[in-house]
Amino acid sequence: AAAAGGVGSSSSSDDEEMRRIVRRRKLERDEMDFRLEMAERQQRLLTLEADGKSKMADAHAKMAEAHTKDLTVCRLTMDTYADLCPGKVMDDRMRLMFKDSVANLYFAVARAQQQPGSTQPQQMSQNPTQPQPQQPAADANLNKHITISTLAATMGRSFTSGDLQKIGKQAAAAYRRLHNDEEPSKHEQWVGGANILVNSYTERDRSMLEDIIANYIHG
């Protein structure tokens, strides 16, 4: 009987050990399957990210190409218009219109050329058909020209020329305070049938101008 009891105890221990081995192997298989699944998911995510970057780069390249073509057309249009002018000299109003068009297209090309994640600056050569790296898109956006009247329009306001002159004086004073008495840059603008120099502002000055306009409205 004792012998029989010893055999039974040994068999039970063997069974328990076998169950532990089976459970351990199952856990090992589950862990391996989990690691493989995570590796596959990570690879799929990397593939999707690479595809997304590639598609975005293609979109930026197409946008840059389209804007560069627009620059070329603008240049041809300017040349054609100048040929139709007496002495091939266009009037101030048209010259300013073309000047603004070229500037807007230039910054559009600079923004389109800047690909996501790129830290290389983007630049345009003097030949509009040959874009070259110069400044990041963020800088191109900040350098975009804005005017008090157009900014006011986006705020749902329209001012008389007298109001704009008052706001302009306040804007110039605020600019000087922010820039150690430095005067705002100037640009030519067609105002009241005459070509005059007016203060020039960019997206960098947007918040300052918005505050001045808001204070003028509520003042």
C-alpha atoms as a PDB file:
ATOM      1  CA  ALA A   1       0.000   0.000   0.000  1.00  0.00           C
ATOM      2  CA  ALA A   2       2.857   2.329   0.888  1.00  0.00           C
ATOM      3  CA  ALA A   3       4.445   1.527  -2.441  1.00  0.00           C
ATOM      4  CA  ALA A   4       1.189   2.241  -4.191  1.00  0.00           C
ATOM      5  CA  GLY A   5       0.911   5.578  -2.329  1.00  0.00           C
ATOM      6  CA  GLY A   6       4.452   6.535  -3.376  1.00  0.00           C
ATOM      7  CA  VAL A   7       3.700   5.785  -7.015  1.00  0.00           C
ATOM      8  CA  GLY A   8       0.499   7.902  -6.880  1.00  0.00           C
ATOM      9  CA  SER A   9       2.315  10.871  -5.336  1.00  0.00           C
ATOM     10  CA  SER A  10       5.046  10.696  -7.967  1.00  0.00           C
ATOM     11  CA  SER A  11       2.491  10.563 -10.758  1.00  0.00           C
ATOM     12  CA  SER A  12       0.684  13.596  -9.343  1.00  0.00           C
ATOM     13  CA  SER A  13       3.941  15.574  -9.134  1.00  0.00           C
ATOM     14  CA  ASP A  14       4.769  14.657 -12.715  1.00  0.00           C
ATOM     15  CA  ASP A  15       1.343  15.805 -13.860  1.00  0.00           C
ATOM     16  CA  GLU A  16       1.736  19.129 -12.037  1.00  0.00           C
ATOM     17  CA  GLU A  17       5.165  19.671 -13.556  1.00  0.00           C
ATOM     18  CA  MET A  18       3.790  18.894 -17.009  1.00  0.00           C
ATOM     19  CA  ARG A  19       0.981  21.407 -16.506  1.00  0.00           C
ATOM     20  CA  ARG A  20       3.516  24.062 -15.454  1.00  0.00           C
ATOM     21  CA  ILE A  21       5.592  23.341 -18.558  1.00  0.00           C
ATOM     22  CA  VAL A  22       2.509  23.587 -20.774  1.00  0.00           C
ATOM     23  CA  ARG A  23       1.436  26.884 -19.176  1.00  0.00           C
ATOM     24  CA  ARG A  24       4.951  28.318 -19.493  1.00  0.00           C
ATOM     25  CA  ARG A  25       5.183  27.360 -23.155  1.00  0.00           C
ATOM     26  CA  LYS A  26       1.749  28.854 -23.812  1.00  0.00           C
ATOM     27  CA  LEU A  27       2.832  32.100 -22.146  1.00  0.00           C
ATOM     28  CA  GLU A  28       6.017  32.120 -24.208  1.00  0.00           C
ATOM     29  CA  ARG A  29       4.015  31.582 -27.418  1.00  0.00           C
ATOM     30  CA  ASP A  30       1.553  34.320 -26.456  1.00  0.00           C
ATOM     31  CA  GLU A  31       4.401  36.717 -25.702  1.00  0.00           C
ATOM     32  CA  MET A  32       6.073  35.899 -29.024  1.00  0.00           C
ATOM     33  CA  ASP A  33       2.796  36.400 -30.905  1.00  0.00           C
ATOM     34  CA  PHE A  34       2.280  39.718 -29.121  1.00  0.00           C
ATOM     35  CA  ARG A  35       5.773  40.923 -30.029  1.00  0.00           C
ATOM     36  CA  LEU A  36       5.303  39.884 -33.646  1.00  0.00           C
ATOM     37  CA  GLU A  37       1.951  41.686 -33.817  1.00  0.00           C
ATOM     38  CA  MET A  38       3.464  44.866 -32.317  1.00  0.00           C
ATOM     39  CA  ALA A  39       6.372  44.705 -34.765  1.00  0.00           C
ATOM     40  CA  GLU A  40       3.935  44.314 -37.686  1.00  0.00           C
ATOM     41  CA  ARG A  41       1.830  47.236 -36.457  1.00  0.00           C
ATOM     42  CA  GLN A  42       4.899  49.439 -36.083  1.00  0.00           C
ATOM     43  CA  GLN A  43       6.024  48.512 -39.588  1.00  0.00           C
ATOM     44  CA  ARG A  44       2.587  49.346 -40.985  1.00  0.00           C
ATOM     45  CA  LEU A  45       2.651  52.709 -39.214  1.00  0.00           C
ATOM     46  CA  LEU A  46       6.124  53.462 -40.572  1.00  0.00           C
ATOM     47  CA  THR A  47       4.958  52.524 -44.072  1.00  0.00           C
ATOM     48  CA  LEU A  48       1.893  54.752 -43.788  1.00  0.00           C
ATOM     49  CA  GLU A  49       4.033  57.631 -42.477  1.00  0.00           C
ATOM     50  CA  ALA A  50       6.505  57.239 -45.346  1.00  0.00           C
ATOM     51  CA  ASP A  51       3.656  57.137 -47.881  1.00  0.00           C
ATOM     52  CA  GLY A  52       2.110  60.242 -46.332  1.00  0.00           C
ATOM     53  CA  LYS A  53       5.397  62.166 -46.471  1.00  0.00           C
ATOM     54  CA  SER A  54       5.925  61.088 -50.067  1.00  0.00           C
ATOM     55  CA  LYS A  55       2.438  62.222 -51.096  1.00  0.00           C
ATOM     56  CA  MET A  56       2.877  65.522 -49.245  1.00  0.00           C
ATOM     57  CA  ALA A  57       6.230  66.106 -50.928  1.00  0.00           C
ATOM     58  CA  ASP A  58       4.640  65.436 -54.323  1.00  0.00           C
ATOM     59  CA  ALA A  59       1.826  67.881 -53.536  1.00  0.00           C
ATOM     60  CA  HIS A  60       4.308  70.586 -52.510  1.00  0.00           C
ATOM     61  CA  ALA A  61       6.343  70.007 -55.662  1.00  0.00           C
ATOM     62  CA  LYS A  62       3.240  70.330 -57.850  1.00  0.00           C
ATOM     63  CA  MET A  63       2.176  73.502 -56.038  1.00  0.00           C
ATOM     64  CA  ALA A  64       5.634  75.014 -56.461  1.00  0.00           C
ATOM     65  CA  GLU A  65       5.615  74.105 -60.146  1.00  0.00           C
ATOM     66  CA  ALA A  66       2.177  75.671 -60.637  1.00  0.00           C
ATOM     67  CA  HIS A  67       3.143  78.895 -58.867  1.00  0.00           C
ATOM     68  CA  THR A  68       6.408  79.067 -60.813  1.00  0.00           C
ATOM     69  CA  LYS A  69       4.426  78.802 -64.041  1.00  0.00           C
ATOM     70  CA  ASP A  70       2.214  81.627 -62.766  1.00  0.00           C
ATOM     71  CA  LEU A  71       5.331  83.733 -62.214  1.00  0.00           C
ATOM     72  CA  THR A  72       6.463  83.052 -65.771  1.00  0.00           C
ATOM     73  CA  VAL A  73       3.037  84.001 -67.149  1.00  0.00           C
ATOM     74  CA  CYS A  74       3.081  87.160 -65.022  1.00  0.00           C
ATOM     75  CA  ARG A  75       6.481  88.106 -66.440  1.00  0.00           C
ATOM     76  CA  LEU A  76       5.302  87.528 -70.005  1.00  0.00           C
ATOM     77  CA  THR A  77       2.149  89.547 -69.325  1.00  0.00           C
ATOM     78  CA  MET A  78       4.231  92.443 -67.958  1.00  0.00           C
ATOM     79  CA  ASP A  79       6.481  92.389 -71.015  1.00  0.00           C
ATOM     80  CA  THR A  80       3.483  92.295 -73.364  1.00  0.00           C
ATOM     81  CA  TYR A  81       1.771  95.149 -71.525  1.00  0.00           C
ATOM     82  CA  ALA A  82       4.964  97.215 -71.559  1.00  0.00           C
ATOM     83  CA  ASP A  83       5.251  96.687 -75.328  1.00  0.00           C
ATOM     84  CA  LEU A  84       1.801  98.249 -75.710  1.00  0.00           C
ATOM     85  CA  CYS A  85       2.718 101.326 -73.639  1.00  0.00           C
ATOM     86  CA  PRO A  86       4.221 104.480 -75.181  1.00  0.00           C
ATOM     87  CA  GLY A  87       7.982 104.122 -75.093  1.00  0.00           C
ATOM     88  CA  LYS A  88       7.441 100.682 -73.461  1.00  0.00           C
ATOM     89  CA  VAL A  89       7.012 102.438 -70.092  1.00  0.00           C
ATOM     90  CA  MET A  90       3.919 101.383 -68.127  1.00  0.00           C
ATOM     91  CA  ASP A  91       2.090 103.820 -65.874  1.00  0.00           C
ATOM     92  CA  ASP A  92       2.609 103.779 -62.112  1.00  0.00           C
ATOM     93  CA  ARG A  93      -0.717 102.152 -61.333  1.00  0.00           C
ATOM     94  CA  MET A  94      -0.115  99.112 -63.533  1.00  0.00           C
ATOM     95  CA  ARG A  95       3.493  98.874 -62.386  1.00  0.00           C
ATOM     96  CA  LEU A  96       2.313  98.640 -58.772  1.00  0.00           C
ATOM     97  CA  MET A  97      -0.304  96.039 -59.671  1.00  0.00           C
ATOM     98  CA  PHE A  98       2.307  93.860 -61.355  1.00  0.00           C
ATOM     99  CA  LYS A  99       4.722  94.460 -58.478  1.00  0.00           C
ATOM    100  CA  ASP A 100       2.171  93.172 -55.934  1.00  0.00           C
ATOM    101  CA  SER A 101       1.336  90.185 -58.137  1.00  0.00           C
ATOM    102  CA  VAL A 102       4.982  89.174 -58.437  1.00  0.00           C
ATOM    103  CA  ALA A 103       5.532  89.526 -54.681  1.00  0.00           C
ATOM    104  CA  ASN A 104       2.475  87.405 -53.859  1.00  0.00           C
ATOM    105  CA  LEU A 105       3.475  84.716 -56.337  1.00  0.00           C
ATOM    106  CA  TYR A 106       7.049  84.719 -55.048  1.00  0.00           C
ATOM    107  CA  PHE A 107       5.949  83.974 -51.486  1.00  0.00           C
ATOM    108  CA  ALA A 108       3.463  81.376 -52.748  1.00  0.00           C
ATOM    109  CA  VAL A 109       6.337  79.533 -54.433  1.00  0.00           C
ATOM    110  CA  ALA A 110       8.484  79.799 -51.293  1.00  0.00           C
ATOM    111  CA  ARG A 111       5.701  78.314 -49.157  1.00  0.00           C
ATOM    112  CA  ALA A 112       4.971  75.530 -51.617  1.00  0.00           C
ATOM    113  CA  GLN A 113       8.637  74.570 -51.924  1.00  0.00           C
ATOM    114  CA  GLN A 114       9.017  74.111 -48.160  1.00  0.00           C
ATOM    115  CA  GLN A 115       8.323  70.448 -47.430  1.00  0.00           C
ATOM    116  CA  PRO A 116       7.113  69.227 -44.008  1.00  0.00           C
ATOM    117  CA  GLY A 117      10.015  68.507 -41.668  1.00  0.00           C
ATOM    118  CA  SER A 118      12.507  70.355 -43.834  1.00  0.00           C
ATOM    119  CA  THR A 119      14.801  72.836 -42.126  1.00  0.00           C
ATOM    120  CA  GLN A 120      16.529  74.022 -45.280  1.00  0.00           C
ATOM    121  CA  PRO A 121      15.638  77.598 -46.292  1.00  0.00           C
ATOM    122  CA  GLN A 122      14.049  78.190 -49.692  1.00  0.00           C
ATOM    123  CA  GLN A 123      14.946  80.890 -52.195  1.00  0.00           C
ATOM    124  CA  MET A 124      13.956  82.078 -55.655  1.00  0.00           C
ATOM    125  CA  SER A 125      16.537  83.009 -58.263  1.00  0.00           C
ATOM    126  CA  GLN A 126      16.112  86.164 -60.307  1.00  0.00           C
ATOM    127  CA  ASN A 127      14.904  83.917 -63.111  1.00  0.00           C
ATOM    128  CA  PRO A 128      11.313  82.992 -62.098  1.00  0.00           C
ATOM    129  CA  THR A 129      11.510  79.736 -64.074  1.00  0.00           C
ATOM    130  CA  GLN A 130      14.336  78.419 -61.858  1.00  0.00           C
ATOM    131  CA  PRO A 131      13.235  78.249 -58.175  1.00  0.00           C
ATOM    132  CA  GLN A 132      16.064  77.639 -55.714  1.00  0.00           C
ATOM    133  CA  PRO A 133      16.144  77.180 -51.910  1.00  0.00           C
ATOM    134  CA  GLN A 134      16.027  80.289 -49.694  1.00  0.00           C
ATOM    135  CA  GLN A 135      13.694  80.643 -46.737  1.00  0.00           C
ATOM    136  CA  PRO A 136      11.346  78.407 -44.727  1.00  0.00           C
ATOM    137  CA  ALA A 137       7.640  78.561 -45.380  1.00  0.00           C
ATOM    138  CA  ALA A 138       7.052  79.969 -41.910  1.00  0.00           C
ATOM    139  CA  ASP A 139       9.276  82.956 -42.724  1.00  0.00           C
ATOM    140  CA  ALA A 140       7.582  83.355 -46.084  1.00  0.00           C
ATOM    141  CA  ASN A 141       4.194  83.549 -44.346  1.00  0.00           C
ATOM    142  CA  LEU A 142       5.443  86.105 -41.808  1.00  0.00           C
ATOM    143  CA  ASN A 143       6.881  88.276 -44.579  1.00  0.00           C
ATOM    144  CA  LYS A 144       3.586  88.418 -46.453  1.00  0.00           C
ATOM    145  CA  HIS A 145       2.460  92.016 -46.952  1.00  0.00           C
ATOM    146  CA  ILE A 146      -0.751  93.132 -45.213  1.00  0.00           C
ATOM    147  CA  THR A 147      -2.542  96.475 -45.132  1.00  0.00           C
ATOM    148  CA  ILE A 148      -4.656  98.125 -42.455  1.00  0.00           C
ATOM    149  CA  SER A 149      -7.690  98.325 -44.757  1.00  0.00           C
ATOM    150  CA  THR A 150      -7.612  94.642 -45.746  1.00  0.00           C
ATOM    151  CA  LEU A 151      -6.995  93.604 -42.143  1.00  0.00           C
ATOM    152  CA  ALA A 152      -9.930  95.725 -41.016  1.00  0.00           C
ATOM    153  CA  ALA A 153     -12.096  94.035 -43.649  1.00  0.00           C
ATOM    154  CA  THR A 154     -11.273  90.613 -42.184  1.00  0.00           C
ATOM    155  CA  MET A 155     -12.470  92.011 -38.842  1.00  0.00           C
ATOM    156  CA  GLY A 156     -15.756  93.057 -40.443  1.00  0.00           C
ATOM    157  CA  ARG A 157     -14.951  96.778 -40.555  1.00  0.00           C
ATOM    158  CA  SER A 158     -14.689  99.400 -43.293  1.00  0.00           C
ATOM    159  CA  PHE A 159     -13.083 102.770 -42.607  1.00  0.00           C
ATOM    160  CA  THR A 160     -13.036 106.110 -44.364  1.00  0.00           C
ATOM    161  CA  SER A 161      -9.754 107.474 -45.653  1.00  0.00           C
ATOM    162  CA  GLY A 162      -9.692 109.821 -42.649  1.00  0.00           C
ATOM    163  CA  ASP A 163     -10.091 106.904 -40.243  1.00  0.00           C
ATOM    164  CA  LEU A 164      -7.363 104.961 -42.036  1.00  0.00           C
ATOM    165  CA  GLN A 165      -4.988 107.908 -41.736  1.00  0.00           C
ATOM    166  CA  LYS A 166      -5.596 108.125 -37.976  1.00  0.00           C
ATOM    167  CA  ILE A 167      -5.151 104.365 -37.531  1.00  0.00           C
ATOM    168  CA  GLY A 168      -2.035 104.517 -39.702  1.00  0.00           C
ATOM    169  CA  LYS A 169      -0.478 107.153 -37.450  1.00  0.00           C
ATOM    170  CA  GLN A 170      -1.222 105.040 -34.374  1.00  0.00           C
ATOM    171  CA  ALA A 171       0.218 101.969 -36.100  1.00  0.00           C
ATOM    172  CA  ALA A 172       3.428 103.807 -37.005  1.00  0.00           C
ATOM    173  CA  ALA A 173       3.814 105.042 -33.410  1.00  0.00           C
ATOM    174  CA  ALA A 174       3.246 101.526 -32.039  1.00  0.00           C
ATOM    175  CA  TYR A 175       5.745 100.111 -34.527  1.00  0.00           C
ATOM    176  CA  ARG A 176       8.381 102.603 -33.399  1.00  0.00           C
ATOM    177  CA  ARG A 177       7.771 101.695 -29.746  1.00  0.00           C
ATOM    178  CA  LEU A 178       8.201  98.001 -30.507  1.00  0.00           C
ATOM    179  CA  HIS A 179      11.290  98.497 -32.679  1.00  0.00           C
ATOM    180  CA  ASN A 180      13.406 101.013 -30.755  1.00  0.00           C
ATOM    181  CA  ASP A 181      12.211 104.068 -32.704  1.00  0.00           C
ATOM    182  CA  GLU A 182      12.827 102.378 -36.058  1.00  0.00           C
ATOM    183  CA  GLU A 183      10.460 103.634 -38.764  1.00  0.00           C
ATOM    184  CA  PRO A 184       8.235 101.166 -40.658  1.00  0.00           C
ATOM    185  CA  SER A 185       9.427 100.354 -44.146  1.00  0.00           C
ATOM    186  CA  LYS A 186       7.642 102.016 -47.061  1.00  0.00           C
ATOM    187  CA  HIS A 187       6.024 100.751 -50.214  1.00  0.00           C
ATOM    188  CA  GLU A 188       4.369 102.429 -53.159  1.00  0.00           C
ATOM    189  CA  GLN A 189       0.571 102.426 -53.235  1.00  0.00           C
ATOM    190  CA  TRP A 190      -2.020 103.907 -55.549  1.00  0.00           C
ATOM    191  CA  VAL A 191      -4.207 106.125 -53.372  1.00  0.00           C
ATOM    192  CA  GLY A 192      -6.778 108.628 -54.593  1.00  0.00           C
ATOM    193  CA  GLY A 193      -5.422 108.617 -58.117  1.00  0.00           C
ATOM    194  CA  ALA A 194      -1.813 109.168 -57.071  1.00  0.00           C
ATOM    195  CA  ASN A 195       1.204 106.969 -56.449  1.00  0.00           C
ATOM    196  CA  ILE A 196       2.432 107.611 -52.893  1.00  0.00           C
ATOM    197  CA  LEU A 197       4.700 105.984 -50.326  1.00  0.00           C
ATOM    198  CA  VAL A 198       2.849 104.431 -47.364  1.00  0.00           C
ATOM    199  CA  ASN A 199       3.991 102.476 -44.330  1.00  0.00           C
ATOM    200  CA  SER A 200       4.435  98.789 -45.019  1.00  0.00           C
ATOM    201  CA  TYR A 201       3.500  95.999 -42.604  1.00  0.00           C
ATOM    202  CA  THR A 202       3.701  92.213 -42.699  1.00  0.00           C
ATOM    203  CA  GLU A 203       2.131  89.242 -40.951  1.00  0.00           C
ATOM    204  CA  ARG A 204       4.674  89.770 -38.172  1.00  0.00           C
ATOM    205  CA  ASP A 205       2.758  92.958 -37.310  1.00  0.00           C
ATOM    206  CA  ARG A 206      -0.728  91.429 -37.501  1.00  0.00           C
ATOM    207  CA  SER A 207      -1.431  91.227 -33.750  1.00  0.00           C
ATOM    208  CA  MET A 208      -0.200  94.803 -33.239  1.00  0.00           C
ATOM    209  CA  LEU A 209      -2.427  96.116 -36.031  1.00  0.00           C
ATOM    210  CA  GLU A 210      -5.443  94.114 -34.840  1.00  0.00           C
ATOM    211  CA  ASP A 211      -5.080  95.583 -31.349  1.00  0.00           C
ATOM    212  CA  ILE A 212      -4.849  99.128 -32.754  1.00  0.00           C
ATOM    213  CA  ILE A 213      -7.892  98.629 -34.972  1.00  0.00           C
ATOM    214  CA  ALA A 214      -9.895  97.112 -32.104  1.00  0.00           C
ATOM    215  CA  ASN A 215      -8.945  99.981 -29.777  1.00  0.00           C
ATOM    216  CA  TYR A 216      -9.913 102.509 -32.450  1.00  0.00           C
ATOM    217  CA  ILE A 217     -13.295 100.849 -32.928  1.00  0.00           C
ATOM    218  CA  HIS A 218     -14.076 100.761 -29.210  1.00  0.00           C
ATOM    219  CA  GLY A 219     -12.382 104.036 -28.381  1.00  0.00           C
END
